[in-house]
C-alpha cells in the first residue's frame, strides 16, 4: 500500500476534508473543513507544494507534541495527530515530507 490523500465529506457538518495516510495506513496529516470539493482539492495541491520545506512546519509543544503545515501565506493547510514525544513528532514531519508530494488521491465523498 502506498501513501494517499483521502477526500471525504463529513455527515456532521457537510464539509469536505482530506487526510494524508502513510503507507502503513496511519493518518499523518488532516485538513480543516472546506465548503467545496474543489477547495479541498486545492488544499491537497498546497500540501504537495509546501510539504518538502521544513520552514513550513510549525512545531507545537504542550502536553502532547503536534505540528501544523502552513502555506507560504501563513495559512494552516494541515494538522498532525498528537505525539507523545518530540522525536515522534519529527518522525511524523519527515513522513509528510516524503509521502505528500507523490501521494495519490482517493475520493471517498
PDB file of N, CA and C in Angstrom:
ATOM      1  N   UNK A   1       0.849  -1.181   0.000  1.00  0.00           N
ATOM      2  CA  UNK A   1       0.000   0.000   0.000  1.00  0.00           C
ATOM      3  C   UNK A   1       0.896   1.247   0.000  1.00  0.00           C
ATOM      4  N   UNK A   2       0.580   2.208  -0.844  1.00  0.00           N
ATOM      5  CA  UNK A   2       1.364   3.441  -0.880  1.00  0.00           C
ATOM      6  C   UNK A   2       0.602   4.561  -0.174  1.00  0.00           C
ATOM      7  N   UNK A   3       1.291   5.656   0.063  1.00  0.00           N
ATOM      8  CA  UNK A   3       0.651   6.778   0.746  1.00  0.00           C
ATOM      9  C   UNK A   3      -0.433   7.370  -0.151  1.00  0.00           C
ATOM     10  N   UNK A   4      -1.429   8.002   0.502  1.00  0.00           N
ATOM     11  CA  UNK A   4      -2.535   8.570  -0.269  1.00  0.00           C
ATOM     12  C   UNK A   4      -3.248   9.650   0.531  1.00  0.00           C
ATOM     13  N   UNK A   5      -3.833  10.570  -0.226  1.00  0.00           N
ATOM     14  CA  UNK A   5      -4.772  11.525   0.336  1.00  0.00           C
ATOM     15  C   UNK A   5      -6.165  10.945   0.162  1.00  0.00           C
ATOM     16  N   UNK A   6      -6.984  11.045   1.167  1.00  0.00           N
ATOM     17  CA  UNK A   6      -8.380  10.651   1.070  1.00  0.00           C
ATOM     18  C   UNK A   6      -9.234  11.902   1.240  1.00  0.00           C
ATOM     19  N   UNK A   7     -10.146  12.118   0.309  1.00  0.00           N
ATOM     20  CA  UNK A   7     -11.127  13.199   0.400  1.00  0.00           C
ATOM     21  C   UNK A   7     -12.424  12.587   0.892  1.00  0.00           C
ATOM     22  N   UNK A   8     -13.032  13.216   1.898  1.00  0.00           N
ATOM     23  CA  UNK A   8     -14.318  12.714   2.386  1.00  0.00           C
ATOM     24  C   UNK A   8     -15.193  13.882   2.809  1.00  0.00           C
ATOM     25  N   UNK A   9     -16.492  13.630   2.846  1.00  0.00           N
ATOM     26  CA  UNK A   9     -17.457  14.647   3.271  1.00  0.00           C
ATOM     27  C   UNK A   9     -18.017  14.221   4.617  1.00  0.00           C
ATOM     28  N   UNK A  10     -17.960  15.119   5.582  1.00  0.00           N
ATOM     29  CA  UNK A  10     -18.427  14.812   6.933  1.00  0.00           C
ATOM     30  C   UNK A  10     -19.952  14.869   7.001  1.00  0.00           C
ATOM     31  N   UNK A  11     -20.572  13.833   7.555  1.00  0.00           N
ATOM     32  CA  UNK A  11     -22.029  13.885   7.738  1.00  0.00           C
ATOM     33  C   UNK A  11     -22.422  14.836   8.871  1.00  0.00           C
ATOM     34  N   UNK A  12     -21.455  15.218   9.669  1.00  0.00           N
ATOM     35  CA  UNK A  12     -21.712  16.106  10.808  1.00  0.00           C
ATOM     36  C   UNK A  12     -21.898  17.555  10.358  1.00  0.00           C
ATOM     37  N   UNK A  13     -20.977  18.059   9.522  1.00  0.00           N
ATOM     38  CA  UNK A  13     -21.066  19.462   9.114  1.00  0.00           C
ATOM     39  C   UNK A  13     -21.142  19.637   7.593  1.00  0.00           C
ATOM     40  N   UNK A  14     -21.184  18.520   6.844  1.00  0.00           N
ATOM     41  CA  UNK A  14     -21.325  18.526   5.386  1.00  0.00           C
ATOM     42  C   UNK A  14     -20.190  19.256   4.676  1.00  0.00           C
ATOM     43  N   UNK A  15     -19.031  19.342   5.332  1.00  0.00           N
ATOM     44  CA  UNK A  15     -17.866  19.932   4.697  1.00  0.00           C
ATOM     45  C   UNK A  15     -16.934  18.831   4.193  1.00  0.00           C
ATOM     46  N   UNK A  16     -16.076  19.215   3.269  1.00  0.00           N
ATOM     47  CA  UNK A  16     -15.081  18.300   2.710  1.00  0.00           C
ATOM     48  C   UNK A  16     -13.789  18.409   3.508  1.00  0.00           C
ATOM     49  N   UNK A  17     -13.145  17.275   3.699  1.00  0.00           N
ATOM     50  CA  UNK A  17     -11.874  17.197   4.423  1.00  0.00           C
ATOM     51  C   UNK A  17     -10.947  16.280   3.645  1.00  0.00           C
ATOM     52  N   UNK A  18      -9.651  16.423   3.895  1.00  0.00           N
ATOM     53  CA  UNK A  18      -8.700  15.424   3.412  1.00  0.00           C
ATOM     54  C   UNK A  18      -7.857  14.955   4.572  1.00  0.00           C
ATOM     55  N   UNK A  19      -7.336  13.756   4.415  1.00  0.00           N
ATOM     56  CA  UNK A  19      -6.354  13.221   5.355  1.00  0.00           C
ATOM     57  C   UNK A  19      -5.281  12.543   4.516  1.00  0.00           C
ATOM     58  N   UNK A  20      -4.052  12.683   4.971  1.00  0.00           N
ATOM     59  CA  UNK A  20      -2.922  12.025   4.319  1.00  0.00           C
ATOM     60  C   UNK A  20      -2.580  10.804   5.139  1.00  0.00           C
ATOM     61  N   UNK A  21      -2.605   9.658   4.482  1.00  0.00           N
ATOM     62  CA  UNK A  21      -2.262   8.406   5.144  1.00  0.00           C
ATOM     63  C   UNK A  21      -0.925   7.899   4.612  1.00  0.00           C
ATOM     64  N   UNK A  22      -0.067   7.497   5.540  1.00  0.00           N
ATOM     65  CA  UNK A  22       1.208   6.888   5.164  1.00  0.00           C
ATOM     66  C   UNK A  22       0.950   5.491   4.621  1.00  0.00           C
ATOM     67  N   UNK A  23       1.981   4.864   4.104  1.00  0.00           N
ATOM     68  CA  UNK A  23       1.832   3.538   3.509  1.00  0.00           C
ATOM     69  C   UNK A  23       1.381   2.489   4.521  1.00  0.00           C
ATOM     70  N   UNK A  24       1.586   2.759   5.826  1.00  0.00           N
ATOM     71  CA  UNK A  24       1.136   1.813   6.857  1.00  0.00           C
ATOM     72  C   UNK A  24      -0.316   2.071   7.282  1.00  0.00           C
ATOM     73  N   UNK A  25      -0.979   3.038   6.639  1.00  0.00           N
ATOM     74  CA  UNK A  25      -2.377   3.329   6.941  1.00  0.00           C
ATOM     75  C   UNK A  25      -2.598   4.360   8.031  1.00  0.00           C
ATOM     76  N   UNK A  26      -1.509   4.822   8.673  1.00  0.00           N
ATOM     77  CA  UNK A  26      -1.632   5.820   9.736  1.00  0.00           C
ATOM     78  C   UNK A  26      -1.914   7.199   9.133  1.00  0.00           C
ATOM     79  N   UNK A  27      -2.813   7.947   9.768  1.00  0.00           N
ATOM     80  CA  UNK A  27      -3.074   9.321   9.341  1.00  0.00           C
ATOM     81  C   UNK A  27      -1.925  10.198   9.848  1.00  0.00           C
ATOM     82  N   UNK A  28      -1.268  10.894   8.929  1.00  0.00           N
ATOM     83  CA  UNK A  28      -0.138  11.736   9.320  1.00  0.00           C
ATOM     84  C   UNK A  28      -0.424  13.227   9.145  1.00  0.00           C
ATOM     85  N   UNK A  29      -1.528  13.564   8.485  1.00  0.00           N
ATOM     86  CA  UNK A  29      -1.912  14.962   8.329  1.00  0.00           C
ATOM     87  C   UNK A  29      -3.406  15.015   8.034  1.00  0.00           C
ATOM     88  N   UNK A  30      -4.098  15.977   8.613  1.00  0.00           N
ATOM     89  CA  UNK A  30      -5.533  16.148   8.389  1.00  0.00           C
ATOM     90  C   UNK A  30      -5.834  17.618   8.138  1.00  0.00           C
ATOM     91  N   UNK A  31      -6.887  17.868   7.375  1.00  0.00           N
ATOM     92  CA  UNK A  31      -7.223  19.239   6.989  1.00  0.00           C
ATOM     93  C   UNK A  31      -8.303  19.843   7.871  1.00  0.00           C
ATOM     94  N   UNK A  32      -8.489  21.124   7.655  1.00  0.00           N
ATOM     95  CA  UNK A  32      -9.651  21.842   8.146  1.00  0.00           C
ATOM     96  C   UNK A  32     -10.799  21.514   7.189  1.00  0.00           C
ATOM     97  N   UNK A  33     -11.993  21.965   7.511  1.00  0.00           N
ATOM     98  CA  UNK A  33     -13.133  21.740   6.631  1.00  0.00           C
ATOM     99  C   UNK A  33     -13.159  22.719   5.470  1.00  0.00           C
ATOM    100  N   UNK A  34     -13.617  22.233   4.322  1.00  0.00           N
ATOM    101  CA  UNK A  34     -13.786  23.051   3.125  1.00  0.00           C
ATOM    102  C   UNK A  34     -15.248  22.971   2.695  1.00  0.00           C
ATOM    103  N   UNK A  35     -15.805  24.073   2.223  1.00  0.00           N
ATOM    104  CA  UNK A  35     -17.205  24.078   1.804  1.00  0.00           C
ATOM    105  C   UNK A  35     -17.407  23.423   0.446  1.00  0.00           C
ATOM    106  N   UNK A  36     -16.344  23.358  -0.367  1.00  0.00           N
ATOM    107  CA  UNK A  36     -16.456  22.728  -1.683  1.00  0.00           C
ATOM    108  C   UNK A  36     -15.373  21.669  -1.868  1.00  0.00           C
ATOM    109  N   UNK A  37     -15.661  20.720  -2.739  1.00  0.00           N
ATOM    110  CA  UNK A  37     -14.663  19.694  -3.053  1.00  0.00           C
ATOM    111  C   UNK A  37     -13.457  20.329  -3.739  1.00  0.00           C
ATOM    112  N   UNK A  38     -13.701  21.329  -4.596  1.00  0.00           N
ATOM    113  CA  UNK A  38     -12.598  22.000  -5.277  1.00  0.00           C
ATOM    114  C   UNK A  38     -11.667  22.669  -4.269  1.00  0.00           C
ATOM    115  N   UNK A  39     -12.223  23.276  -3.243  1.00  0.00           N
ATOM    116  CA  UNK A  39     -11.406  23.876  -2.189  1.00  0.00           C
ATOM    117  C   UNK A  39     -10.546  22.835  -1.507  1.00  0.00           C
ATOM    118  N   UNK A  40     -11.115  21.666  -1.257  1.00  0.00           N
ATOM    119  CA  UNK A  40     -10.381  20.564  -0.642  1.00  0.00           C
ATOM    120  C   UNK A  40      -9.250  20.097  -1.559  1.00  0.00           C
ATOM    121  N   UNK A  41      -9.542  19.982  -2.844  1.00  0.00           N
ATOM    122  CA  UNK A  41      -8.518  19.572  -3.804  1.00  0.00           C
ATOM    123  C   UNK A  41      -7.393  20.609  -3.885  1.00  0.00           C
ATOM    124  N   UNK A  42      -7.759  21.892  -3.787  1.00  0.00           N
ATOM    125  CA  UNK A  42      -6.744  22.947  -3.773  1.00  0.00           C
ATOM    126  C   UNK A  42      -5.874  22.834  -2.520  1.00  0.00           C
ATOM    127  N   UNK A  43      -6.478  22.450  -1.387  1.00  0.00           N
ATOM    128  CA  UNK A  43      -5.724  22.235  -0.160  1.00  0.00           C
ATOM    129  C   UNK A  43      -4.699  21.125  -0.318  1.00  0.00           C
ATOM    130  N   UNK A  44      -5.095  20.048  -0.962  1.00  0.00           N
ATOM    131  CA  UNK A  44      -4.177  18.935  -1.220  1.00  0.00           C
ATOM    132  C   UNK A  44      -3.017  19.413  -2.103  1.00  0.00           C
ATOM    133  N   UNK A  45      -3.334  20.168  -3.138  1.00  0.00           N
ATOM    134  CA  UNK A  45      -2.287  20.688  -4.025  1.00  0.00           C
ATOM    135  C   UNK A  45      -1.306  21.559  -3.245  1.00  0.00           C
ATOM    136  N   UNK A  46      -1.822  22.352  -2.316  1.00  0.00           N
ATOM    137  CA  UNK A  46      -0.962  23.202  -1.494  1.00  0.00           C
ATOM    138  C   UNK A  46      -0.067  22.366  -0.580  1.00  0.00           C
ATOM    139  N   UNK A  47      -0.601  21.284  -0.028  1.00  0.00           N
ATOM    140  CA  UNK A  47       0.216  20.389   0.796  1.00  0.00           C
ATOM    141  C   UNK A  47       1.343  19.805  -0.039  1.00  0.00           C
ATOM    142  N   UNK A  48       1.031  19.359  -1.247  1.00  0.00           N
ATOM    143  CA  UNK A  48       2.049  18.759  -2.110  1.00  0.00           C
ATOM    144  C   UNK A  48       3.186  19.750  -2.395  1.00  0.00           C
ATOM    145  N   UNK A  49       2.839  21.028  -2.578  1.00  0.00           N
ATOM    146  CA  UNK A  49       3.840  22.052  -2.878  1.00  0.00           C
ATOM    147  C   UNK A  49       4.652  22.428  -1.638  1.00  0.00           C
ATOM    148  N   UNK A  50       3.995  22.586  -0.499  1.00  0.00           N
ATOM    149  CA  UNK A  50       4.640  23.126   0.693  1.00  0.00           C
ATOM    150  C   UNK A  50       5.308  22.091   1.600  1.00  0.00           C
ATOM    151  N   UNK A  51       4.893  20.848   1.522  1.00  0.00           N
ATOM    152  CA  UNK A  51       5.372  19.831   2.471  1.00  0.00           C
ATOM    153  C   UNK A  51       6.879  19.574   2.450  1.00  0.00           C
ATOM    154  N   UNK A  52       7.586  19.733   1.344  1.00  0.00           N
ATOM    155  CA  UNK A  52       9.030  19.457   1.388  1.00  0.00           C
ATOM    156  C   UNK A  52       9.847  20.463   2.196  1.00  0.00           C
ATOM    157  N   UNK A  53       9.278  21.635   2.518  1.00  0.00           N
ATOM    158  CA  UNK A  53      10.043  22.713   3.144  1.00  0.00           C
ATOM    159  C   UNK A  53       9.885  22.734   4.653  1.00  0.00           C
ATOM    160  N   UNK A  54      10.994  22.529   5.350  1.00  0.00           N
ATOM    161  CA  UNK A  54      10.955  22.479   6.812  1.00  0.00           C
ATOM    162  C   UNK A  54      10.418  23.777   7.420  1.00  0.00           C
ATOM    163  N   UNK A  55      10.674  24.897   6.771  1.00  0.00           N
ATOM    164  CA  UNK A  55      10.225  26.195   7.293  1.00  0.00           C
ATOM    165  C   UNK A  55       8.704  26.321   7.319  1.00  0.00           C
ATOM    166  N   UNK A  56       7.999  25.441   6.618  1.00  0.00           N
ATOM    167  CA  UNK A  56       6.532  25.499   6.573  1.00  0.00           C
ATOM    168  C   UNK A  56       5.879  24.759   7.750  1.00  0.00           C
ATOM    169  N   UNK A  57       6.695  24.116   8.587  1.00  0.00           N
ATOM    170  CA  UNK A  57       6.153  23.350   9.709  1.00  0.00           C
ATOM    171  C   UNK A  57       6.226  24.162  10.995  1.00  0.00           C
ATOM    172  N   UNK A  58       5.088  24.300  11.640  1.00  0.00           N
ATOM    173  CA  UNK A  58       5.008  24.954  12.943  1.00  0.00           C
ATOM    174  C   UNK A  58       4.916  23.854  13.996  1.00  0.00           C
ATOM    175  N   UNK A  59       5.949  23.742  14.802  1.00  0.00           N
ATOM    176  CA  UNK A  59       6.002  22.710  15.836  1.00  0.00           C
ATOM    177  C   UNK A  59       5.368  23.245  17.112  1.00  0.00           C
ATOM    178  N   UNK A  60       4.447  22.463  17.695  1.00  0.00           N
ATOM    179  CA  UNK A  60       3.714  22.878  18.893  1.00  0.00           C
ATOM    180  C   UNK A  60       4.078  21.948  20.048  1.00  0.00           C
ATOM    181  N   UNK A  61       4.394  22.554  21.197  1.00  0.00           N
ATOM    182  CA  UNK A  61       4.729  21.790  22.399  1.00  0.00           C
ATOM    183  C   UNK A  61       3.670  22.048  23.459  1.00  0.00           C
ATOM    184  N   UNK A  62       3.310  21.007  24.169  1.00  0.00           N
ATOM    185  CA  UNK A  62       2.337  21.107  25.250  1.00  0.00           C
ATOM    186  C   UNK A  62       2.327  19.781  25.986  1.00  0.00           C
ATOM    187  N   UNK A  63       1.159  19.358  26.390  1.00  0.00           N
ATOM    188  CA  UNK A  63       1.030  18.031  26.992  1.00  0.00           C
ATOM    189  C   UNK A  63       1.413  16.976  25.961  1.00  0.00           C
ATOM    190  N   UNK A  64       1.053  17.256  24.709  1.00  0.00           N
ATOM    191  CA  UNK A  64       1.466  16.400  23.594  1.00  0.00           C
ATOM    192  C   UNK A  64       2.218  17.272  22.588  1.00  0.00           C
ATOM    193  N   UNK A  65       2.789  16.633  21.590  1.00  0.00           N
ATOM    194  CA  UNK A  65       3.554  17.312  20.558  1.00  0.00           C
ATOM    195  C   UNK A  65       2.785  17.197  19.247  1.00  0.00           C
ATOM    196  N   UNK A  66       2.597  18.322  18.578  1.00  0.00           N
ATOM    197  CA  UNK A  66       1.880  18.345  17.309  1.00  0.00           C
ATOM    198  C   UNK A  66       2.614  19.273  16.350  1.00  0.00           C
ATOM    199  N   UNK A  67       2.140  19.298  15.110  1.00  0.00           N
ATOM    200  CA  UNK A  67       2.651  20.276  14.152  1.00  0.00           C
ATOM    201  C   UNK A  67       1.547  20.690  13.204  1.00  0.00           C
ATOM    202  N   UNK A  68       1.710  21.886  12.668  1.00  0.00           N
ATOM    203  CA  UNK A  68       0.851  22.398  11.607  1.00  0.00           C
ATOM    204  C   UNK A  68       1.717  22.600  10.382  1.00  0.00           C
ATOM    205  N   UNK A  69       1.161  22.287   9.221  1.00  0.00           N
ATOM    206  CA  UNK A  69       1.819  22.606   7.958  1.00  0.00           C
ATOM    207  C   UNK A  69       1.157  23.870   7.433  1.00  0.00           C
ATOM    208  N   UNK A  70       1.978  24.872   7.110  1.00  0.00           N
ATOM    209  CA  UNK A  70       1.452  26.154   6.664  1.00  0.00           C
ATOM    210  C   UNK A  70       1.857  26.428   5.221  1.00  0.00           C
ATOM    211  N   UNK A  71       0.983  27.146   4.528  1.00  0.00           N
ATOM    212  CA  UNK A  71       1.285  27.608   3.176  1.00  0.00           C
ATOM    213  C   UNK A  71       2.213  28.816   3.271  1.00  0.00           C
ATOM    214  N   UNK A  72       2.711  29.271   2.146  1.00  0.00           N
ATOM    215  CA  UNK A  72       3.616  30.416   2.120  1.00  0.00           C
ATOM    216  C   UNK A  72       2.973  31.665   2.722  1.00  0.00           C
ATOM    217  N   UNK A  73       1.643  31.777   2.640  1.00  0.00           N
ATOM    218  CA  UNK A  73       0.949  32.946   3.192  1.00  0.00           C
ATOM    219  C   UNK A  73       0.665  32.815   4.685  1.00  0.00           C
ATOM    220  N   UNK A  74       1.125  31.713   5.306  1.00  0.00           N
ATOM    221  CA  UNK A  74       0.947  31.518   6.742  1.00  0.00           C
ATOM    222  C   UNK A  74      -0.320  30.793   7.147  1.00  0.00           C
ATOM    223  N   UNK A  75      -1.197  30.499   6.178  1.00  0.00           N
ATOM    224  CA  UNK A  75      -2.434  29.776   6.481  1.00  0.00           C
ATOM    225  C   UNK A  75      -2.136  28.307   6.775  1.00  0.00           C
ATOM    226  N   UNK A  76      -2.791  27.762   7.789  1.00  0.00           N
ATOM    227  CA  UNK A  76      -2.628  26.344   8.115  1.00  0.00           C
ATOM    228  C   UNK A  76      -3.360  25.517   7.063  1.00  0.00           C
ATOM    229  N   UNK A  77      -2.653  24.561   6.468  1.00  0.00           N
ATOM    230  CA  UNK A  77      -3.260  23.691   5.463  1.00  0.00           C
ATOM    231  C   UNK A  77      -3.358  22.251   5.933  1.00  0.00           C
ATOM    232  N   UNK A  78      -2.740  21.938   7.049  1.00  0.00           N
ATOM    233  CA  UNK A  78      -2.845  20.594   7.603  1.00  0.00           C
ATOM    234  C   UNK A  78      -2.371  20.554   9.034  1.00  0.00           C
ATOM    235  N   UNK A  79      -2.977  19.664   9.817  1.00  0.00           N
ATOM    236  CA  UNK A  79      -2.621  19.489  11.223  1.00  0.00           C
ATOM    237  C   UNK A  79      -2.267  18.027  11.459  1.00  0.00           C
ATOM    238  N   UNK A  80      -1.320  17.831  12.359  1.00  0.00           N
ATOM    239  CA  UNK A  80      -0.893  16.472  12.683  1.00  0.00           C
ATOM    240  C   UNK A  80      -1.779  15.857  13.751  1.00  0.00           C
ATOM    241  N   UNK A  81      -1.553  14.593  13.954  1.00  0.00           N
ATOM    242  CA  UNK A  81      -2.090  13.903  15.114  1.00  0.00           C
ATOM    243  C   UNK A  81      -1.242  14.322  16.314  1.00  0.00           C
ATOM    244  N   UNK A  82      -1.603  13.914  17.499  1.00  0.00           N
ATOM    245  CA  UNK A  82      -0.810  14.189  18.696  1.00  0.00           C
ATOM    246  C   UNK A  82       0.233  13.100  18.888  1.00  0.00           C
ATOM    247  N   UNK A  83       1.423  13.526  19.274  1.00  0.00           N
ATOM    248  CA  UNK A  83       2.527  12.611  19.531  1.00  0.00           C
ATOM    249  C   UNK A  83       2.950  12.724  20.997  1.00  0.00           C
ATOM    250  N   UNK A  84       3.507  11.653  21.530  1.00  0.00           N
ATOM    251  CA  UNK A  84       3.903  11.647  22.940  1.00  0.00           C
ATOM    252  C   UNK A  84       5.305  12.193  23.165  1.00  0.00           C
ATOM    253  N   UNK A  85       6.121  12.253  22.110  1.00  0.00           N
ATOM    254  CA  UNK A  85       7.481  12.786  22.235  1.00  0.00           C
ATOM    255  C   UNK A  85       7.782  13.725  21.069  1.00  0.00           C
ATOM    256  N   UNK A  86       8.754  14.586  21.270  1.00  0.00           N
ATOM    257  CA  UNK A  86       9.152  15.484  20.185  1.00  0.00           C
ATOM    258  C   UNK A  86       9.791  14.699  19.040  1.00  0.00           C
ATOM    259  N   UNK A  87      10.487  13.606  19.359  1.00  0.00           N
ATOM    260  CA  UNK A  87      11.089  12.795  18.301  1.00  0.00           C
ATOM    261  C   UNK A  87      10.027  12.117  17.445  1.00  0.00           C
ATOM    262  N   UNK A  88       8.958  11.654  18.069  1.00  0.00           N
ATOM    263  CA  UNK A  88       7.858  11.053  17.307  1.00  0.00           C
ATOM    264  C   UNK A  88       7.237  12.102  16.380  1.00  0.00           C
ATOM    265  N   UNK A  89       7.103  13.339  16.862  1.00  0.00           N
ATOM    266  CA  UNK A  89       6.587  14.428  16.021  1.00  0.00           C
ATOM    267  C   UNK A  89       7.521  14.657  14.838  1.00  0.00           C
ATOM    268  N   UNK A  90       8.838  14.664  15.081  1.00  0.00           N
ATOM    269  CA  UNK A  90       9.793  14.861  13.991  1.00  0.00           C
ATOM    270  C   UNK A  90       9.693  13.731  12.967  1.00  0.00           C
ATOM    271  N   UNK A  91       9.445  12.521  13.433  1.00  0.00           N
ATOM    272  CA  UNK A  91       9.240  11.394  12.525  1.00  0.00           C
ATOM    273  C   UNK A  91       7.988  11.617  11.682  1.00  0.00           C
ATOM    274  N   UNK A  92       6.940  12.183  12.292  1.00  0.00           N
ATOM    275  CA  UNK A  92       5.713  12.496  11.562  1.00  0.00           C
ATOM    276  C   UNK A  92       5.959  13.536  10.484  1.00  0.00           C
ATOM    277  N   UNK A  93       6.714  14.574  10.820  1.00  0.00           N
ATOM    278  CA  UNK A  93       7.056  15.609   9.836  1.00  0.00           C
ATOM    279  C   UNK A  93       7.856  14.998   8.689  1.00  0.00           C
ATOM    280  N   UNK A  94       8.828  14.169   9.024  1.00  0.00           N
ATOM    281  CA  UNK A  94       9.638  13.513   7.991  1.00  0.00           C
ATOM    282  C   UNK A  94       8.766  12.660   7.076  1.00  0.00           C
ATOM    283  N   UNK A  95       7.784  12.002   7.651  1.00  0.00           N
ATOM    284  CA  UNK A  95       6.869  11.166   6.862  1.00  0.00           C
ATOM    285  C   UNK A  95       6.035  12.011   5.903  1.00  0.00           C
ATOM    286  N   UNK A  96       5.549  13.159   6.367  1.00  0.00           N
ATOM    287  CA  UNK A  96       4.780  14.046   5.487  1.00  0.00           C
ATOM    288  C   UNK A  96       5.673  14.554   4.355  1.00  0.00           C
ATOM    289  N   UNK A  97       6.912  14.944   4.681  1.00  0.00           N
ATOM    290  CA  UNK A  97       7.835  15.439   3.660  1.00  0.00           C
ATOM    291  C   UNK A  97       8.062  14.407   2.560  1.00  0.00           C
ATOM    292  N   UNK A  98       8.189  13.148   2.959  1.00  0.00           N
ATOM    293  CA  UNK A  98       8.470  12.076   1.996  1.00  0.00           C
ATOM    294  C   UNK A  98       7.213  11.663   1.233  1.00  0.00           C
ATOM    295  N   UNK A  99       6.100  11.530   1.940  1.00  0.00           N
ATOM    296  CA  UNK A  99       4.897  10.948   1.357  1.00  0.00           C
ATOM    297  C   UNK A  99       3.994  11.916   0.590  1.00  0.00           C
ATOM    298  N   UNK A 100       3.850  13.138   1.065  1.00  0.00           N
ATOM    299  CA  UNK A 100       2.849  14.043   0.490  1.00  0.00           C
ATOM    300  C   UNK A 100       3.095  14.397  -0.980  1.00  0.00           C
ATOM    301  N   UNK A 101       4.326  14.731  -1.388  1.00  0.00           N
ATOM    302  CA  UNK A 101       4.495  15.197  -2.768  1.00  0.00           C
ATOM    303  C   UNK A 101       4.038  14.208  -3.836  1.00  0.00           C
ATOM    304  N   UNK A 102       4.158  12.927  -3.585  1.00  0.00           N
ATOM    305  CA  UNK A 102       3.821  11.935  -4.626  1.00  0.00           C
ATOM    306  C   UNK A 102       2.579  11.114  -4.289  1.00  0.00           C
ATOM    307  N   UNK A 103       1.891  11.448  -3.201  1.00  0.00           N
ATOM    308  CA  UNK A 103       0.734  10.653  -2.779  1.00  0.00           C
ATOM    309  C   UNK A 103      -0.417  10.782  -3.788  1.00  0.00           C
ATOM    310  N   UNK A 104      -1.080   9.677  -4.031  1.00  0.00           N
ATOM    311  CA  UNK A 104      -2.268   9.685  -4.868  1.00  0.00           C
ATOM    312  C   UNK A 104      -3.451  10.250  -4.110  1.00  0.00           C
ATOM    313  N   UNK A 105      -4.557  10.425  -4.808  1.00  0.00           N
ATOM    314  CA  UNK A 105      -5.764  10.961  -4.196  1.00  0.00           C
ATOM    315  C   UNK A 105      -6.909   9.978  -4.416  1.00  0.00           C
ATOM    316  N   UNK A 106      -7.589   9.650  -3.299  1.00  0.00           N
ATOM    317  CA  UNK A 106      -8.757   8.766  -3.358  1.00  0.00           C
ATOM    318  C   UNK A 106      -9.959   9.580  -2.875  1.00  0.00           C
ATOM    319  N   UNK A 107     -10.979   9.677  -3.722  1.00  0.00           N
ATOM    320  CA  UNK A 107     -12.175  10.444  -3.382  1.00  0.00           C
ATOM    321  C   UNK A 107     -13.207   9.505  -2.756  1.00  0.00           C
ATOM    322  N   UNK A 108     -13.440   9.674  -1.470  1.00  0.00           N
ATOM    323  CA  UNK A 108     -14.411   8.851  -0.752  1.00  0.00           C
ATOM    324  C   UNK A 108     -15.756   9.566  -0.599  1.00  0.00           C
ATOM    325  N   UNK A 109     -15.842  10.779  -1.130  1.00  0.00           N
ATOM    326  CA  UNK A 109     -17.070  11.553  -0.958  1.00  0.00           C
ATOM    327  C   UNK A 109     -18.127  11.094  -1.936  1.00  0.00           C
TER     328      UNK A 109
END
